[in-house]
Amino acid sequence: MSTFKNKPATHGPNTEIIHSKPVSSEGFAALPVPVYRGSSTFFENTAAQRAAVNPLGLDYSYGLHGNPTQYTLAKQLAEIEGATHALVCPSGLTAIALVAQACLKSGDHWLIPENVYGPVQALARSLQADYGVEFSEYDPCDATTVAAGLRANTRLVWSEAPGSLTFEIPDLQTILAMAKAHGARTGIDNTWAAGIAYKPFEHGFDFSVQALTKYQCGHADVLMGAVLSNNTKAFADVERKNRLLGLGVSPADCDLVLRGLLTLPLRYKQQAENGLKVATALKQHPAIARVLHPEFPECPGHSFYKRDFNGFASIFSVVLNAQYTDEQACAIVDRLKLFKIAYSWGGPESLGLVVNIPDSRRRHLADHQGQCGPILRLAIGLEEPEDLIADLNQALAALI
């Protein structure tokens, strides 16, 4: 039972309730960060309200721009990845769009890998059609195509490691060197590595983006993204664009991601180990032509992976034998009992999808006859690997 020394009420009850002071937090300490909610942020006086805003500082001027919960999350993300600047935004795709719009204007050009996350290709097409921002694609398995793709007006070179759906690892060091020599800014979608298995700023990237929806949240119940940087001028451009677009995130969602960070390394490692066990078992299945996992020497870019990465994620793809059809691949996924059919990954549950990629991307996956069968993407969760392997075997059995 708590006892409070309250002064006699001097106003009506509605006024007293609204202007009541919170209890002091002095003497209280706990691991969780408080969830600070508030649209109106109070200023001490008019001079403080009129003072110039420092967008790279802790700006407590309006709830949309940030609060202690949000800034604490950004700070912890920066610490994990070795960045000096970070902001959180509504999704991973939002993070990429912020970088693109901060770096590019009409008449500029950006270079993206042909195995990039599909919505990024859609974003590039939209920026070109609507705003005259040019783009072209390079082959992530052939760094010479980066040199060939650079133009006088190239302002941004984008990377994704590994590639979306097919998991090639590019020669990031060579790509970075070419881009920097050209004077272009550089960015990478580092979601697969979760800021743990690859450190972009140790290699010289200007930007790293994360889909916090995945491993950082870890419980499949939050949508959020982040932009991180060690380049103050480049990050200031992103922060300006973020404010102009009025992008904000819920402090309650930030709290959920902060909770997820407490177990991030443990979950990332355990899910990775689970995934590798499943991937290794599938390599032996007669219906499967290839398993696309950077840990395996036959995966394109494996030597670059061994050079640059110190871990791996729990998501990979398998290529069925060329005689199988897309309909048969869909039937396999439909027969799975433990895998859910859904987008995203990084949560506790395992997911499976049949994916479609252009023929141009299948050239690195073709068999000796030049054929490439259907592709299944599997995201492994925290279930027992033996149970997942048994489920996959029963689903694949109909093909044999």
Protein backbone atom coordinates (compact mmCIF):
# COMPACT_ATOMS: atom_id res chain seq x y z
CA MET A 1 0.00 0.00 0.00
CA SER A 2 1.41 3.38 -0.99
CA THR A 3 0.93 6.61 0.91
CA PHE A 4 0.96 9.96 -0.84
CA LYS A 5 1.19 13.44 0.59
CA ASN A 6 -1.13 15.43 -1.61
CA LYS A 7 -1.82 19.12 -1.40
CA PRO A 8 -5.46 20.13 -1.12
CA ALA A 9 -7.16 20.40 -4.50
CA THR A 10 -7.20 23.94 -5.81
CA HIS A 11 -8.94 23.23 -9.12
CA GLY A 12 -11.88 21.23 -10.37
CA PRO A 13 -11.47 17.43 -10.71
CA ASN A 14 -10.98 17.45 -14.50
CA THR A 15 -8.21 20.03 -14.22
CA GLU A 16 -6.56 18.19 -11.31
CA ILE A 17 -6.52 14.91 -13.28
CA ILE A 18 -4.99 16.45 -16.40
CA HIS A 19 -2.31 18.40 -14.50
CA SER A 20 -1.42 15.77 -11.93
CA LYS A 21 2.33 15.05 -11.74
CA PRO A 22 3.62 11.49 -12.16
CA VAL A 23 5.39 9.76 -9.30
CA SER A 24 9.16 10.10 -9.27
CA SER A 25 11.22 7.41 -10.98
CA GLU A 26 14.15 8.08 -8.66
CA GLY A 27 15.26 4.86 -6.98
CA PHE A 28 13.63 2.66 -9.61
CA ALA A 29 15.78 0.63 -11.99
CA ALA A 30 14.80 -2.24 -14.30
CA LEU A 31 15.96 -3.77 -17.57
CA PRO A 32 13.02 -2.74 -19.81
CA VAL A 33 13.01 0.73 -21.30
CA PRO A 34 9.86 2.71 -20.42
CA VAL A 35 7.35 3.18 -23.21
CA TYR A 36 7.11 6.93 -23.68
CA ARG A 37 3.91 7.94 -25.41
CA GLY A 38 3.01 11.45 -26.43
CA SER A 39 2.21 13.53 -29.48
CA SER A 40 2.71 16.94 -27.82
CA THR A 41 6.17 17.24 -26.29
CA PHE A 42 6.29 19.98 -23.62
CA PHE A 43 8.88 22.76 -23.83
CA GLU A 44 10.28 24.45 -20.74
CA ASN A 45 9.69 27.90 -22.18
CA THR A 46 9.10 29.81 -25.43
CA ALA A 47 12.81 30.16 -26.10
CA ALA A 48 13.18 26.37 -26.04
CA GLN A 49 10.19 26.00 -28.34
CA ARG A 50 11.72 28.44 -30.84
CA ALA A 51 15.24 27.07 -30.69
CA ALA A 52 16.69 25.57 -33.86
CA VAL A 53 16.19 21.84 -34.13
CA ASN A 54 19.23 19.57 -34.40
CA PRO A 55 17.90 16.66 -36.47
CA LEU A 56 20.95 14.54 -35.60
CA GLY A 57 20.52 15.09 -31.86
CA LEU A 58 17.90 13.96 -29.37
CA ASP A 59 15.17 16.26 -30.62
CA TYR A 60 12.24 16.21 -28.22
CA SER A 61 10.10 18.72 -30.08
CA TYR A 62 7.19 16.62 -31.35
CA GLY A 63 6.15 13.03 -30.88
CA LEU A 64 6.44 12.25 -34.59
CA HIS A 65 10.15 13.04 -34.59
CA GLY A 66 11.11 10.84 -31.66
CA ASN A 67 10.87 9.99 -28.00
CA PRO A 68 13.20 8.26 -25.52
CA THR A 69 11.88 4.79 -26.37
CA GLN A 70 12.43 5.29 -30.10
CA TYR A 71 15.86 6.88 -29.66
CA THR A 72 16.95 4.10 -27.30
CA LEU A 73 16.06 1.53 -29.95
CA ALA A 74 18.01 3.48 -32.59
CA LYS A 75 20.99 3.73 -30.22
CA GLN A 76 21.02 -0.01 -29.52
CA LEU A 77 20.75 -0.86 -33.23
CA ALA A 78 23.70 1.44 -33.93
CA GLU A 79 25.72 -0.27 -31.19
CA ILE A 80 25.01 -3.72 -32.63
CA GLU A 81 26.06 -2.76 -36.15
CA GLY A 82 28.85 -0.34 -35.32
CA ALA A 83 27.11 2.78 -36.66
CA THR A 84 27.17 6.34 -35.39
CA HIS A 85 23.71 7.30 -36.70
CA ALA A 86 20.41 5.43 -36.87
CA LEU A 87 16.73 6.08 -37.31
CA VAL A 88 13.76 3.75 -37.20
CA CYS A 89 10.93 3.88 -39.71
CA PRO A 90 7.76 1.94 -40.57
CA SER A 91 9.35 -0.93 -42.55
CA GLY A 92 12.49 -2.24 -44.21
CA LEU A 93 11.21 -1.12 -47.60
CA THR A 94 10.59 2.35 -46.19
CA ALA A 95 14.23 2.41 -45.07
CA ILE A 96 15.44 1.61 -48.59
CA ALA A 97 13.07 4.16 -50.11
CA LEU A 98 14.38 6.83 -47.72
CA VAL A 99 17.97 6.18 -48.76
CA ALA A 100 17.06 6.21 -52.45
CA GLN A 101 15.06 9.43 -52.23
CA ALA A 102 17.71 11.13 -50.09
CA CYS A 103 20.51 10.28 -52.53
CA LEU A 104 18.77 10.65 -55.89
CA LYS A 105 17.06 13.40 -57.84
CA SER A 106 15.71 13.69 -61.36
CA GLY A 107 18.41 12.82 -63.89
CA ASP A 108 20.46 10.77 -61.42
CA HIS A 109 21.14 7.05 -61.80
CA TRP A 110 21.38 4.22 -59.29
CA LEU A 111 22.75 0.75 -59.80
CA ILE A 112 21.00 -2.21 -58.19
CA PRO A 113 21.69 -5.97 -58.29
CA GLU A 114 19.40 -8.06 -60.44
CA ASN A 115 18.70 -10.36 -57.46
CA VAL A 116 17.54 -7.51 -55.23
CA TYR A 117 14.39 -7.75 -53.08
CA GLY A 118 11.50 -7.54 -55.57
CA PRO A 119 9.81 -4.40 -54.16
CA VAL A 120 13.10 -2.52 -54.61
CA GLN A 121 12.91 -3.19 -58.35
CA ALA A 122 9.33 -1.88 -58.26
CA LEU A 123 10.56 1.20 -56.37
CA ALA A 124 13.27 1.79 -58.97
CA ARG A 125 10.76 1.53 -61.82
CA SER A 126 8.43 3.95 -60.04
CA LEU A 127 11.16 6.52 -59.40
CA GLN A 128 12.12 6.31 -63.06
CA ALA A 129 8.58 6.63 -64.41
CA ASP A 130 7.42 9.32 -61.97
CA TYR A 131 10.56 11.38 -61.30
CA GLY A 132 13.08 10.63 -64.03
CA VAL A 133 15.52 8.79 -61.77
CA GLU A 134 17.37 6.29 -63.93
CA PHE A 135 18.38 2.81 -62.81
CA SER A 136 20.06 -0.27 -64.20
CA GLU A 137 20.95 -3.70 -62.85
CA TYR A 138 24.22 -5.58 -62.44
CA ASP A 139 24.97 -9.27 -62.11
CA PRO A 140 25.93 -9.83 -58.44
CA CYS A 141 27.98 -12.88 -59.47
CA ASP A 142 30.12 -10.81 -61.86
CA ALA A 143 31.65 -7.66 -60.37
CA THR A 144 32.80 -6.51 -63.80
CA THR A 145 29.16 -5.72 -64.59
CA VAL A 146 29.29 -3.09 -61.84
CA ALA A 147 32.09 -1.27 -63.65
CA ALA A 148 30.14 -1.57 -66.89
CA GLY A 149 26.97 -0.28 -65.20
CA LEU A 150 28.44 2.85 -63.66
CA ARG A 151 27.49 6.06 -65.46
CA ALA A 152 28.57 9.66 -65.14
CA ASN A 153 25.32 10.36 -63.26
CA THR A 154 25.45 7.32 -60.93
CA ARG A 155 24.87 8.58 -57.40
CA LEU A 156 24.02 5.38 -55.51
CA VAL A 157 25.20 1.78 -55.77
CA TRP A 158 23.01 -0.69 -53.93
CA SER A 159 23.89 -4.16 -52.63
CA GLU A 160 22.05 -7.03 -51.02
CA ALA A 161 23.89 -9.91 -49.41
CA PRO A 162 22.91 -12.58 -49.95
CA GLY A 163 20.61 -12.04 -52.90
CA SER A 164 16.89 -12.26 -52.36
CA LEU A 165 15.47 -15.78 -52.95
CA THR A 166 18.62 -17.25 -54.56
CA PHE A 167 21.23 -16.39 -51.89
CA GLU A 168 24.24 -15.50 -54.01
CA ILE A 169 26.98 -13.63 -52.12
CA PRO A 170 28.51 -10.79 -54.17
CA ASP A 171 32.09 -9.58 -54.00
CA LEU A 172 31.17 -6.69 -51.75
CA GLN A 173 34.73 -5.43 -51.37
CA THR A 174 35.17 -5.00 -55.12
CA ILE A 175 31.73 -3.42 -55.55
CA LEU A 176 32.49 -0.95 -52.76
CA ALA A 177 35.85 -0.04 -54.22
CA MET A 178 34.36 0.63 -57.65
CA ALA A 179 31.51 2.72 -56.26
CA LYS A 180 33.78 4.81 -54.04
CA ALA A 181 36.26 5.41 -56.84
CA HIS A 182 33.32 6.65 -58.90
CA GLY A 183 32.17 8.98 -56.11
CA ALA A 184 28.81 7.24 -55.58
CA ARG A 185 27.22 6.58 -52.24
CA THR A 186 26.83 2.96 -51.20
CA GLY A 187 24.11 1.07 -49.36
CA ILE A 188 23.34 -2.51 -48.41
CA ASP A 189 20.28 -4.40 -47.30
CA ASN A 190 21.83 -6.20 -44.32
CA THR A 191 18.64 -7.82 -43.02
CA TRP A 192 19.84 -11.41 -43.59
CA ALA A 193 22.89 -10.80 -41.40
CA ALA A 194 20.82 -8.88 -38.81
CA GLY A 195 23.77 -6.59 -38.12
CA ILE A 196 25.50 -9.60 -36.54
CA ALA A 197 26.96 -11.79 -39.29
CA TYR A 198 28.20 -8.90 -41.47
CA LYS A 199 29.44 -5.46 -40.38
CA PRO A 200 28.94 -3.03 -43.30
CA PHE A 201 30.68 -0.05 -41.71
CA GLU A 202 33.88 -1.97 -41.08
CA HIS A 203 34.06 -2.33 -44.86
CA GLY A 204 33.11 1.25 -45.74
CA PHE A 205 29.41 1.31 -46.65
CA ASP A 206 27.60 4.64 -46.30
CA PHE A 207 24.27 3.03 -45.41
CA SER A 208 22.95 -0.19 -43.98
CA VAL A 209 19.24 -0.90 -43.80
CA GLN A 210 17.47 -3.45 -41.66
CA ALA A 211 13.97 -4.88 -41.73
CA LEU A 212 13.47 -5.01 -37.96
CA THR A 213 10.33 -7.00 -38.72
CA LYS A 214 12.58 -10.05 -39.03
CA TYR A 215 15.16 -11.14 -36.44
CA GLN A 216 15.28 -8.00 -34.30
CA CYS A 217 11.60 -8.27 -33.46
CA GLY A 218 11.77 -12.04 -33.59
CA HIS A 219 8.15 -12.73 -32.70
CA ALA A 220 6.35 -11.98 -35.98
CA ASP A 221 4.24 -9.19 -34.49
CA VAL A 222 5.89 -5.89 -35.54
CA LEU A 223 6.56 -4.12 -38.82
CA MET A 224 9.53 -1.75 -38.66
CA GLY A 225 12.75 -0.78 -40.43
CA ALA A 226 15.94 1.12 -39.75
CA VAL A 227 18.55 3.17 -41.61
CA LEU A 228 22.06 3.18 -40.13
CA SER A 229 25.11 5.14 -41.22
CA ASN A 230 28.59 6.33 -40.30
CA ASN A 231 28.45 9.10 -42.91
CA THR A 232 27.08 12.17 -41.12
CA LYS A 233 26.37 14.20 -44.27
CA ALA A 234 24.65 11.29 -46.03
CA PHE A 235 22.61 10.43 -42.94
CA ALA A 236 21.53 14.06 -42.52
CA ASP A 237 20.00 13.85 -46.00
CA VAL A 238 18.05 10.74 -44.96
CA GLU A 239 16.91 12.33 -41.70
CA ARG A 240 15.70 15.41 -43.61
CA LYS A 241 13.75 13.24 -46.03
CA ASN A 242 12.28 11.28 -43.13
CA ARG A 243 10.98 14.48 -41.52
CA LEU A 244 9.60 15.84 -44.78
CA LEU A 245 7.62 12.66 -45.32
CA GLY A 246 6.35 12.68 -41.74
CA LEU A 247 7.31 9.09 -41.04
CA GLY A 248 6.93 7.86 -37.49
CA VAL A 249 6.77 4.63 -35.52
CA SER A 250 4.79 3.58 -32.48
CA PRO A 251 6.69 3.65 -29.17
CA ALA A 252 4.82 0.48 -28.22
CA ASP A 253 6.24 -1.23 -31.32
CA CYS A 254 9.70 0.10 -30.44
CA ASP A 255 9.28 -1.49 -27.03
CA LEU A 256 8.56 -4.87 -28.63
CA VAL A 257 11.67 -4.64 -30.79
CA LEU A 258 13.76 -3.58 -27.78
CA ARG A 259 12.51 -6.70 -26.01
CA GLY A 260 13.45 -8.78 -29.04
CA LEU A 261 17.00 -7.39 -29.05
CA LEU A 262 17.62 -8.94 -25.63
CA THR A 263 17.56 -12.41 -27.19
CA LEU A 264 18.61 -11.53 -30.76
CA PRO A 265 22.06 -13.22 -30.79
CA LEU A 266 20.71 -16.39 -29.16
CA ARG A 267 17.72 -16.69 -31.50
CA TYR A 268 19.78 -15.85 -34.57
CA LYS A 269 22.34 -18.54 -33.75
CA GLN A 270 19.79 -21.21 -32.82
CA GLN A 271 17.62 -20.63 -35.88
CA ALA A 272 20.73 -20.65 -38.07
CA GLU A 273 21.77 -24.00 -36.64
CA ASN A 274 18.26 -25.36 -37.12
CA GLY A 275 18.24 -24.13 -40.70
CA LEU A 276 21.59 -25.67 -41.53
CA LYS A 277 20.45 -29.06 -40.21
CA VAL A 278 17.35 -28.90 -42.40
CA ALA A 279 19.33 -27.69 -45.43
CA THR A 280 21.92 -30.43 -45.01
CA ALA A 281 19.23 -33.11 -44.83
CA LEU A 282 17.55 -31.78 -47.98
CA LYS A 283 20.80 -32.01 -49.95
CA GLN A 284 20.42 -35.78 -49.81
CA HIS A 285 16.84 -35.87 -51.12
CA PRO A 286 16.53 -37.32 -54.65
CA ALA A 287 13.88 -34.77 -55.70
CA ILE A 288 16.15 -31.82 -54.97
CA ALA A 289 18.77 -30.62 -57.44
CA ARG A 290 20.40 -27.91 -55.32
CA VAL A 291 20.19 -26.29 -51.91
CA LEU A 292 20.95 -22.56 -52.03
CA HIS A 293 22.66 -21.78 -48.74
CA PRO A 294 25.86 -19.68 -48.46
CA GLU A 295 27.39 -22.23 -46.06
CA PHE A 296 27.65 -24.75 -48.90
CA PRO A 297 30.69 -24.48 -51.21
CA GLU A 298 28.54 -24.82 -54.35
CA CYS A 299 26.55 -21.67 -53.50
CA PRO A 300 27.59 -18.79 -55.83
CA GLY A 301 29.91 -16.45 -53.97
CA HIS A 302 30.77 -18.94 -51.21
CA SER A 303 34.39 -17.74 -51.09
CA PHE A 304 33.25 -14.13 -50.57
CA TYR A 305 30.91 -15.33 -47.84
CA LYS A 306 33.77 -17.07 -46.03
CA ARG A 307 35.90 -13.94 -46.38
CA ASP A 308 33.37 -11.33 -45.23
CA PHE A 309 30.77 -13.02 -43.00
CA ASN A 310 31.03 -14.56 -39.56
CA GLY A 311 27.64 -16.30 -39.51
CA PHE A 312 24.50 -17.04 -41.46
CA ALA A 313 20.73 -16.78 -41.23
CA SER A 314 18.04 -19.45 -41.10
CA ILE A 315 16.51 -18.80 -44.52
CA PHE A 316 17.51 -20.56 -47.75
CA SER A 317 16.04 -21.99 -50.95
CA VAL A 318 15.97 -25.38 -52.64
CA VAL A 319 15.82 -26.06 -56.37
CA LEU A 320 13.75 -29.07 -57.38
CA ASN A 321 14.83 -31.30 -60.23
CA ALA A 322 14.08 -29.80 -63.62
CA GLN A 323 11.39 -32.36 -64.55
CA TYR A 324 9.06 -31.06 -61.85
CA THR A 325 6.46 -28.38 -62.53
CA ASP A 326 5.37 -25.30 -60.66
CA GLU A 327 2.09 -27.08 -59.87
CA GLN A 328 3.98 -29.94 -58.25
CA ALA A 329 6.06 -27.47 -56.25
CA CYS A 330 2.90 -25.76 -54.97
CA ALA A 331 1.46 -29.16 -54.02
CA ILE A 332 4.56 -29.83 -51.90
CA VAL A 333 4.10 -26.61 -49.95
CA ASP A 334 0.39 -27.28 -49.55
CA ARG A 335 1.17 -30.70 -48.00
CA LEU A 336 3.45 -29.25 -45.34
CA LYS A 337 1.95 -29.45 -41.86
CA LEU A 338 4.44 -27.53 -39.71
CA PHE A 339 5.46 -24.87 -42.22
CA LYS A 340 3.10 -21.93 -42.69
CA ILE A 341 2.64 -20.32 -46.11
CA ALA A 342 3.54 -16.68 -45.57
CA TYR A 343 5.95 -13.89 -46.43
CA SER A 344 8.57 -12.53 -44.04
CA TRP A 345 10.86 -14.63 -41.81
CA GLY A 346 12.86 -14.39 -38.59
CA GLY A 347 9.95 -15.29 -36.33
CA PRO A 348 9.63 -18.45 -34.22
CA GLU A 349 7.57 -20.32 -36.82
CA SER A 350 8.87 -21.94 -40.01
CA LEU A 351 7.59 -20.69 -43.37
CA GLY A 352 7.60 -22.05 -46.91
CA LEU A 353 6.88 -20.53 -50.32
CA VAL A 354 7.18 -21.37 -54.01
CA VAL A 355 9.05 -18.45 -55.55
CA ASN A 356 9.23 -17.18 -59.11
CA ILE A 357 12.31 -15.50 -60.54
CA PRO A 358 13.09 -14.30 -64.08
CA ASP A 359 14.86 -16.71 -66.42
CA SER A 360 17.85 -14.35 -66.43
CA ARG A 361 18.43 -15.14 -62.76
CA ARG A 362 18.16 -18.90 -63.27
CA ARG A 363 21.36 -19.09 -65.31
CA HIS A 364 23.47 -19.51 -62.17
CA LEU A 365 21.21 -22.33 -60.98
CA ALA A 366 20.84 -24.43 -64.13
CA ASP A 367 21.80 -28.10 -64.26
CA HIS A 368 24.17 -29.65 -66.84
CA GLN A 369 21.39 -29.53 -69.43
CA GLY A 370 20.83 -25.82 -68.79
CA GLN A 371 17.52 -26.42 -66.98
CA CYS A 372 16.36 -25.06 -63.62
CA GLY A 373 13.45 -26.57 -61.73
CA PRO A 374 10.97 -24.84 -59.38
CA ILE A 375 12.36 -23.09 -56.31
CA LEU A 376 11.09 -23.33 -52.74
CA ARG A 377 12.14 -20.78 -50.13
CA LEU A 378 12.24 -22.07 -46.56
CA ALA A 379 12.56 -19.90 -43.45
CA ILE A 380 13.38 -22.05 -40.45
CA GLY A 381 12.07 -21.15 -37.02
CA LEU A 382 12.57 -22.54 -33.54
CA GLU A 383 10.84 -25.88 -33.94
CA GLU A 384 12.84 -29.09 -33.56
CA PRO A 385 14.80 -29.58 -36.83
CA GLU A 386 14.02 -33.30 -36.87
CA ASP A 387 10.30 -32.52 -36.92
CA LEU A 388 10.74 -30.08 -39.80
CA ILE A 389 12.82 -32.58 -41.78
CA ALA A 390 10.17 -35.26 -41.32
CA ASP A 391 7.49 -32.82 -42.47
CA LEU A 392 9.46 -31.91 -45.59
CA ASN A 393 10.12 -35.58 -46.37
CA GLN A 394 6.44 -36.47 -46.21
CA ALA A 395 5.56 -33.51 -48.44
CA LEU A 396 8.26 -34.44 -50.98
CA ALA A 397 7.38 -38.13 -50.97
CA ALA A 398 4.65 -37.68 -53.57
CA LEU A 399 7.28 -36.70 -56.16
CA ILE A 400 9.22 -39.93 -55.95
